[in-house]
Each structure stands twice: as C-alpha cells, then as structure tokens.
C-alpha cells in the first residue's frame, strides 16, 4: 500500500499531508498564485460594485 500523502499543487510531486508544497520554490509560486487570485477577485468585486452603482443611478434618475 502507498502511504497517505497529497500532491504539491504546483508541480504534482507527492508530499506529506502536513506540508503545503514540496520546496521553497514551489511555496513561493503557490503564494504568488494565491495573491494573484485575491487581486483578481478584488478587482472583480470593485467593478461589480461600480456597475451596480451606475445602474442604480441610471434607473433612479428616470
């Protein structure tokens, strides 16, 4: 049987269950990806709020 493990989200190498990445390099790549995702979500929510505000302004102005 194979020992319980998971795989590195960056390169796919098997790692112990308590690790997040297999190396410092993969951990840095993982952190950068997470930061990019958070920035993208923030931009999406800001654009969504701006769209709703403009839409409300147009609808309520009539």
PDB file of N, CA and C in Angstrom:
ATOM      1  N   UNK A   1       0.835  -1.191   0.000  1.00  0.00           N
ATOM      2  CA  UNK A   1       0.000   0.000   0.000  1.00  0.00           C
ATOM      3  C   UNK A   1       0.878   1.253   0.000  1.00  0.00           C
ATOM      4  N   UNK A   2       0.326   2.307  -0.482  1.00  0.00           N
ATOM      5  CA  UNK A   2       1.017   3.585  -0.529  1.00  0.00           C
ATOM      6  C   UNK A   2       0.698   4.361   0.735  1.00  0.00           C
ATOM      7  N   UNK A   3       1.709   5.032   1.292  1.00  0.00           N
ATOM      8  CA  UNK A   3       1.492   5.859   2.479  1.00  0.00           C
ATOM      9  C   UNK A   3       0.530   6.992   2.157  1.00  0.00           C
ATOM     10  N   UNK A   4      -0.258   7.444   3.148  1.00  0.00           N
ATOM     11  CA  UNK A   4      -1.138   8.587   2.906  1.00  0.00           C
ATOM     12  C   UNK A   4      -0.299   9.819   2.544  1.00  0.00           C
ATOM     13  N   UNK A   5      -0.694  10.479   1.482  1.00  0.00           N
ATOM     14  CA  UNK A   5       0.032  11.650   1.031  1.00  0.00           C
ATOM     15  C   UNK A   5      -0.886  12.508   0.187  1.00  0.00           C
ATOM     16  N   UNK A   6      -0.405  13.679  -0.160  1.00  0.00           N
ATOM     17  CA  UNK A   6      -1.083  14.532  -1.130  1.00  0.00           C
ATOM     18  C   UNK A   6      -0.031  15.008  -2.111  1.00  0.00           C
ATOM     19  N   UNK A   7      -0.447  15.765  -3.087  1.00  0.00           N
ATOM     20  CA  UNK A   7       0.483  16.202  -4.118  1.00  0.00           C
ATOM     21  C   UNK A   7       0.675  17.706  -4.076  1.00  0.00           C
ATOM     22  N   UNK A   8       1.882  18.132  -4.406  1.00  0.00           N
ATOM     23  CA  UNK A   8       2.214  19.550  -4.466  1.00  0.00           C
ATOM     24  C   UNK A   8       1.295  20.217  -5.491  1.00  0.00           C
ATOM     25  N   UNK A   9       0.616  21.319  -5.127  1.00  0.00           N
ATOM     26  CA  UNK A   9      -0.293  21.969  -6.073  1.00  0.00           C
ATOM     27  C   UNK A   9       0.426  22.633  -7.244  1.00  0.00           C
ATOM     28  N   UNK A  10       1.737  22.820  -7.143  1.00  0.00           N
ATOM     29  CA  UNK A  10       2.498  23.484  -8.203  1.00  0.00           C
ATOM     30  C   UNK A  10       3.063  22.465  -9.183  1.00  0.00           C
ATOM     31  N   UNK A  11       3.786  21.484  -8.674  1.00  0.00           N
ATOM     32  CA  UNK A  11       4.483  20.554  -9.577  1.00  0.00           C
ATOM     33  C   UNK A  11       3.916  19.142  -9.562  1.00  0.00           C
ATOM     34  N   UNK A  12       3.098  18.797  -8.571  1.00  0.00           N
ATOM     35  CA  UNK A  12       2.477  17.480  -8.537  1.00  0.00           C
ATOM     36  C   UNK A  12       3.265  16.397  -7.837  1.00  0.00           C
ATOM     37  N   UNK A  13       4.408  16.719  -7.264  1.00  0.00           N
ATOM     38  CA  UNK A  13       5.196  15.717  -6.539  1.00  0.00           C
ATOM     39  C   UNK A  13       4.470  15.303  -5.264  1.00  0.00           C
ATOM     40  N   UNK A  14       4.581  14.033  -4.863  1.00  0.00           N
ATOM     41  CA  UNK A  14       3.969  13.600  -3.604  1.00  0.00           C
ATOM     42  C   UNK A  14       4.640  14.285  -2.412  1.00  0.00           C
ATOM     43  N   UNK A  15       3.818  14.733  -1.456  1.00  0.00           N
ATOM     44  CA  UNK A  15       4.328  15.390  -0.245  1.00  0.00           C
ATOM     45  C   UNK A  15       3.557  14.860   0.956  1.00  0.00           C
ATOM     46  N   UNK A  16       4.113  15.000   2.164  1.00  0.00           N
ATOM     47  CA  UNK A  16       3.382  14.577   3.368  1.00  0.00           C
ATOM     48  C   UNK A  16       2.103  15.403   3.540  1.00  0.00           C
ATOM     49  N   UNK A  17       1.164  14.877   4.301  1.00  0.00           N
ATOM     50  CA  UNK A  17      -0.120  15.531   4.490  1.00  0.00           C
ATOM     51  C   UNK A  17      -0.006  16.890   5.180  1.00  0.00           C
ATOM     52  N   UNK A  18       1.019  17.086   5.997  1.00  0.00           N
ATOM     53  CA  UNK A  18       1.137  18.339   6.741  1.00  0.00           C
ATOM     54  C   UNK A  18       1.913  19.431   5.991  1.00  0.00           C
ATOM     55  N   UNK A  19       2.368  19.159   4.805  1.00  0.00           N
ATOM     56  CA  UNK A  19       3.116  20.142   4.005  1.00  0.00           C
ATOM     57  C   UNK A  19       2.189  20.816   3.006  1.00  0.00           C
ATOM     58  N   UNK A  20       2.519  22.059   2.615  1.00  0.00           N
ATOM     59  CA  UNK A  20       1.732  22.770   1.607  1.00  0.00           C
ATOM     60  C   UNK A  20       2.368  22.670   0.226  1.00  0.00           C
ATOM     61  N   UNK A  21       3.690  22.578   0.180  1.00  0.00           N
ATOM     62  CA  UNK A  21       4.411  22.484  -1.086  1.00  0.00           C
ATOM     63  C   UNK A  21       5.659  21.644  -0.859  1.00  0.00           C
ATOM     64  N   UNK A  22       6.263  21.204  -1.955  1.00  0.00           N
ATOM     65  CA  UNK A  22       7.401  20.293  -1.832  1.00  0.00           C
ATOM     66  C   UNK A  22       8.721  21.022  -1.616  1.00  0.00           C
ATOM     67  N   UNK A  23       8.795  22.295  -1.980  1.00  0.00           N
ATOM     68  CA  UNK A  23      10.044  23.037  -1.821  1.00  0.00           C
ATOM     69  C   UNK A  23       9.739  24.515  -1.604  1.00  0.00           C
ATOM     70  N   UNK A  24      10.797  25.274  -1.278  1.00  0.00           N
ATOM     71  CA  UNK A  24      10.633  26.721  -1.109  1.00  0.00           C
ATOM     72  C   UNK A  24      10.213  27.374  -2.413  1.00  0.00           C
ATOM     73  N   UNK A  25      10.752  26.897  -3.520  1.00  0.00           N
ATOM     74  CA  UNK A  25      10.417  27.465  -4.821  1.00  0.00           C
ATOM     75  C   UNK A  25       8.929  27.264  -5.125  1.00  0.00           C
ATOM     76  N   UNK A  26       8.426  26.063  -4.883  1.00  0.00           N
ATOM     77  CA  UNK A  26       7.008  25.798  -5.118  1.00  0.00           C
ATOM     78  C   UNK A  26       6.131  26.595  -4.144  1.00  0.00           C
ATOM     79  N   UNK A  27       6.594  26.762  -2.910  1.00  0.00           N
ATOM     80  CA  UNK A  27       5.839  27.554  -1.934  1.00  0.00           C
ATOM     81  C   UNK A  27       5.733  29.010  -2.395  1.00  0.00           C
ATOM     82  N   UNK A  28       6.808  29.541  -2.960  1.00  0.00           N
ATOM     83  CA  UNK A  28       6.784  30.915  -3.466  1.00  0.00           C
ATOM     84  C   UNK A  28       5.836  31.050  -4.653  1.00  0.00           C
ATOM     85  N   UNK A  29       5.868  30.070  -5.561  1.00  0.00           N
ATOM     86  CA  UNK A  29       4.961  30.083  -6.712  1.00  0.00           C
ATOM     87  C   UNK A  29       3.513  29.995  -6.234  1.00  0.00           C
ATOM     88  N   UNK A  30       3.246  29.140  -5.252  1.00  0.00           N
ATOM     89  CA  UNK A  30       1.912  28.987  -4.698  1.00  0.00           C
ATOM     90  C   UNK A  30       1.433  30.289  -4.067  1.00  0.00           C
ATOM     91  N   UNK A  31       2.293  30.950  -3.318  1.00  0.00           N
ATOM     92  CA  UNK A  31       1.940  32.223  -2.690  1.00  0.00           C
ATOM     93  C   UNK A  31       1.638  33.291  -3.740  1.00  0.00           C
ATOM     94  N   UNK A  32       2.450  33.379  -4.778  1.00  0.00           N
ATOM     95  CA  UNK A  32       2.210  34.349  -5.853  1.00  0.00           C
ATOM     96  C   UNK A  32       0.890  34.072  -6.554  1.00  0.00           C
ATOM     97  N   UNK A  33       0.581  32.794  -6.787  1.00  0.00           N
ATOM     98  CA  UNK A  33      -0.690  32.444  -7.423  1.00  0.00           C
ATOM     99  C   UNK A  33      -1.875  32.848  -6.538  1.00  0.00           C
ATOM    100  N   UNK A  34      -1.767  32.602  -5.251  1.00  0.00           N
ATOM    101  CA  UNK A  34      -2.837  32.971  -4.325  1.00  0.00           C
ATOM    102  C   UNK A  34      -3.014  34.487  -4.273  1.00  0.00           C
ATOM    103  N   UNK A  35      -1.917  35.231  -4.290  1.00  0.00           N
ATOM    104  CA  UNK A  35      -2.005  36.688  -4.289  1.00  0.00           C
ATOM    105  C   UNK A  35      -2.659  37.193  -5.580  1.00  0.00           C
ATOM    106  N   UNK A  36      -2.328  36.566  -6.710  1.00  0.00           N
ATOM    107  CA  UNK A  36      -2.915  36.955  -7.991  1.00  0.00           C
ATOM    108  C   UNK A  36      -4.412  36.691  -7.996  1.00  0.00           C
ATOM    109  N   UNK A  37      -4.811  35.561  -7.439  1.00  0.00           N
ATOM    110  CA  UNK A  37      -6.235  35.219  -7.365  1.00  0.00           C
ATOM    111  C   UNK A  37      -6.976  36.228  -6.483  1.00  0.00           C
ATOM    112  N   UNK A  38      -6.400  36.575  -5.340  1.00  0.00           N
ATOM    113  CA  UNK A  38      -7.038  37.549  -4.443  1.00  0.00           C
ATOM    114  C   UNK A  38      -7.153  38.909  -5.114  1.00  0.00           C
ATOM    115  N   UNK A  39      -6.126  39.338  -5.839  1.00  0.00           N
ATOM    116  CA  UNK A  39      -6.156  40.621  -6.537  1.00  0.00           C
ATOM    117  C   UNK A  39      -7.230  40.605  -7.626  1.00  0.00           C
ATOM    118  N   UNK A  40      -7.330  39.504  -8.351  1.00  0.00           N
ATOM    119  CA  UNK A  40      -8.339  39.379  -9.395  1.00  0.00           C
ATOM    120  C   UNK A  40      -9.745  39.431  -8.806  1.00  0.00           C
ATOM    121  N   UNK A  41      -9.964  38.746  -7.703  1.00  0.00           N
ATOM    122  CA  UNK A  41     -11.274  38.782  -7.033  1.00  0.00           C
ATOM    123  C   UNK A  41     -11.606  40.198  -6.564  1.00  0.00           C
ATOM    124  N   UNK A  42     -10.635  40.884  -5.997  1.00  0.00           N
ATOM    125  CA  UNK A  42     -10.856  42.249  -5.524  1.00  0.00           C
ATOM    126  C   UNK A  42     -11.252  43.160  -6.681  1.00  0.00           C
ATOM    127  N   UNK A  43     -10.545  43.069  -7.790  1.00  0.00           N
ATOM    128  CA  UNK A  43     -10.862  43.876  -8.970  1.00  0.00           C
ATOM    129  C   UNK A  43     -12.265  43.541  -9.465  1.00  0.00           C
ATOM    130  N   UNK A  44     -12.614  42.264  -9.504  1.00  0.00           N
ATOM    131  CA  UNK A  44     -13.951  41.852  -9.940  1.00  0.00           C
ATOM    132  C   UNK A  44     -15.024  42.479  -9.055  1.00  0.00           C
ATOM    133  N   UNK A  45     -14.853  42.412  -7.740  1.00  0.00           N
ATOM    134  CA  UNK A  45     -15.859  42.963  -6.828  1.00  0.00           C
ATOM    135  C   UNK A  45     -15.953  44.479  -6.952  1.00  0.00           C
ATOM    136  N   UNK A  46     -14.833  45.145  -7.140  1.00  0.00           N
ATOM    137  CA  UNK A  46     -14.856  46.606  -7.318  1.00  0.00           C
ATOM    138  C   UNK A  46     -15.614  46.957  -8.595  1.00  0.00           C
ATOM    139  N   UNK A  47     -15.334  46.276  -9.689  1.00  0.00           N
ATOM    140  CA  UNK A  47     -16.032  46.534 -10.956  1.00  0.00           C
ATOM    141  C   UNK A  47     -17.524  46.231 -10.798  1.00  0.00           C
ATOM    142  N   UNK A  48     -17.874  45.172 -10.107  1.00  0.00           N
ATOM    143  CA  UNK A  48     -19.267  44.818  -9.878  1.00  0.00           C
ATOM    144  C   UNK A  48     -19.989  45.921  -9.095  1.00  0.00           C
ATOM    145  N   UNK A  49     -19.368  46.426  -8.051  1.00  0.00           N
ATOM    146  CA  UNK A  49     -19.965  47.500  -7.253  1.00  0.00           C
ATOM    147  C   UNK A  49     -20.130  48.755  -8.100  1.00  0.00           C
ATOM    148  N   UNK A  50     -19.133  49.098  -8.890  1.00  0.00           N
ATOM    149  CA  UNK A  50     -19.232  50.272  -9.767  1.00  0.00           C
ATOM    150  C   UNK A  50     -20.383  50.090 -10.756  1.00  0.00           C
ATOM    151  N   UNK A  51     -20.506  48.919 -11.340  1.00  0.00           N
ATOM    152  CA  UNK A  51     -21.589  48.640 -12.283  1.00  0.00           C
ATOM    153  C   UNK A  51     -22.951  48.803 -11.606  1.00  0.00           C
ATOM    154  N   UNK A  52     -23.104  48.277 -10.405  1.00  0.00           N
ATOM    155  CA  UNK A  52     -24.381  48.369  -9.689  1.00  0.00           C
ATOM    156  C   UNK A  52     -24.695  49.823  -9.348  1.00  0.00           C
ATOM    157  N   UNK A  53     -23.718  50.583  -8.919  1.00  0.00           N
ATOM    158  CA  UNK A  53     -23.930  51.989  -8.587  1.00  0.00           C
ATOM    159  C   UNK A  53     -24.352  52.768  -9.832  1.00  0.00           C
ATOM    160  N   UNK A  54     -23.686  52.564 -10.939  1.00  0.00           N
ATOM    161  CA  UNK A  54     -24.041  53.249 -12.186  1.00  0.00           C
ATOM    162  C   UNK A  54     -25.436  52.824 -12.628  1.00  0.00           C
ATOM    163  N   UNK A  55     -25.738  51.551 -12.550  1.00  0.00           N
ATOM    164  CA  UNK A  55     -27.062  51.063 -12.933  1.00  0.00           C
ATOM    165  C   UNK A  55     -28.145  51.692 -12.062  1.00  0.00           C
ATOM    166  N   UNK A  56     -27.914  51.738 -10.745  1.00  0.00           N
ATOM    167  CA  UNK A  56     -28.887  52.373  -9.848  1.00  0.00           C
ATOM    168  C   UNK A  56     -29.066  53.843 -10.160  1.00  0.00           C
ATOM    169  N   UNK A  57     -27.989  54.513 -10.464  1.00  0.00           N
ATOM    170  CA  UNK A  57     -28.056  55.935 -10.816  1.00  0.00           C
ATOM    171  C   UNK A  57     -28.914  56.123 -12.060  1.00  0.00           C
ATOM    172  N   UNK A  58     -28.714  55.291 -13.062  1.00  0.00           N
ATOM    173  CA  UNK A  58     -29.468  55.408 -14.312  1.00  0.00           C
ATOM    174  C   UNK A  58     -30.946  55.078 -14.079  1.00  0.00           C
ATOM    175  N   UNK A  59     -31.228  54.033 -13.333  1.00  0.00           N
ATOM    176  CA  UNK A  59     -32.612  53.595 -13.087  1.00  0.00           C
ATOM    177  C   UNK A  59     -33.365  54.602 -12.227  1.00  0.00           C
ATOM    178  N   UNK A  60     -32.749  55.102 -11.204  1.00  0.00           N
ATOM    179  CA  UNK A  60     -33.430  56.004 -10.270  1.00  0.00           C
ATOM    180  C   UNK A  60     -33.529  57.427 -10.784  1.00  0.00           C
ATOM    181  N   UNK A  61     -32.790  57.751 -11.772  1.00  0.00           N
ATOM    182  CA  UNK A  61     -32.790  59.106 -12.333  1.00  0.00           C
ATOM    183  C   UNK A  61     -34.048  59.369 -13.160  1.00  0.00           C
ATOM    184  N   UNK A  62     -34.619  58.323 -13.728  1.00  0.00           N
ATOM    185  CA  UNK A  62     -35.789  58.479 -14.593  1.00  0.00           C
ATOM    186  C   UNK A  62     -37.021  58.845 -13.832  1.00  0.00           C
TER     187      UNK A  62
END
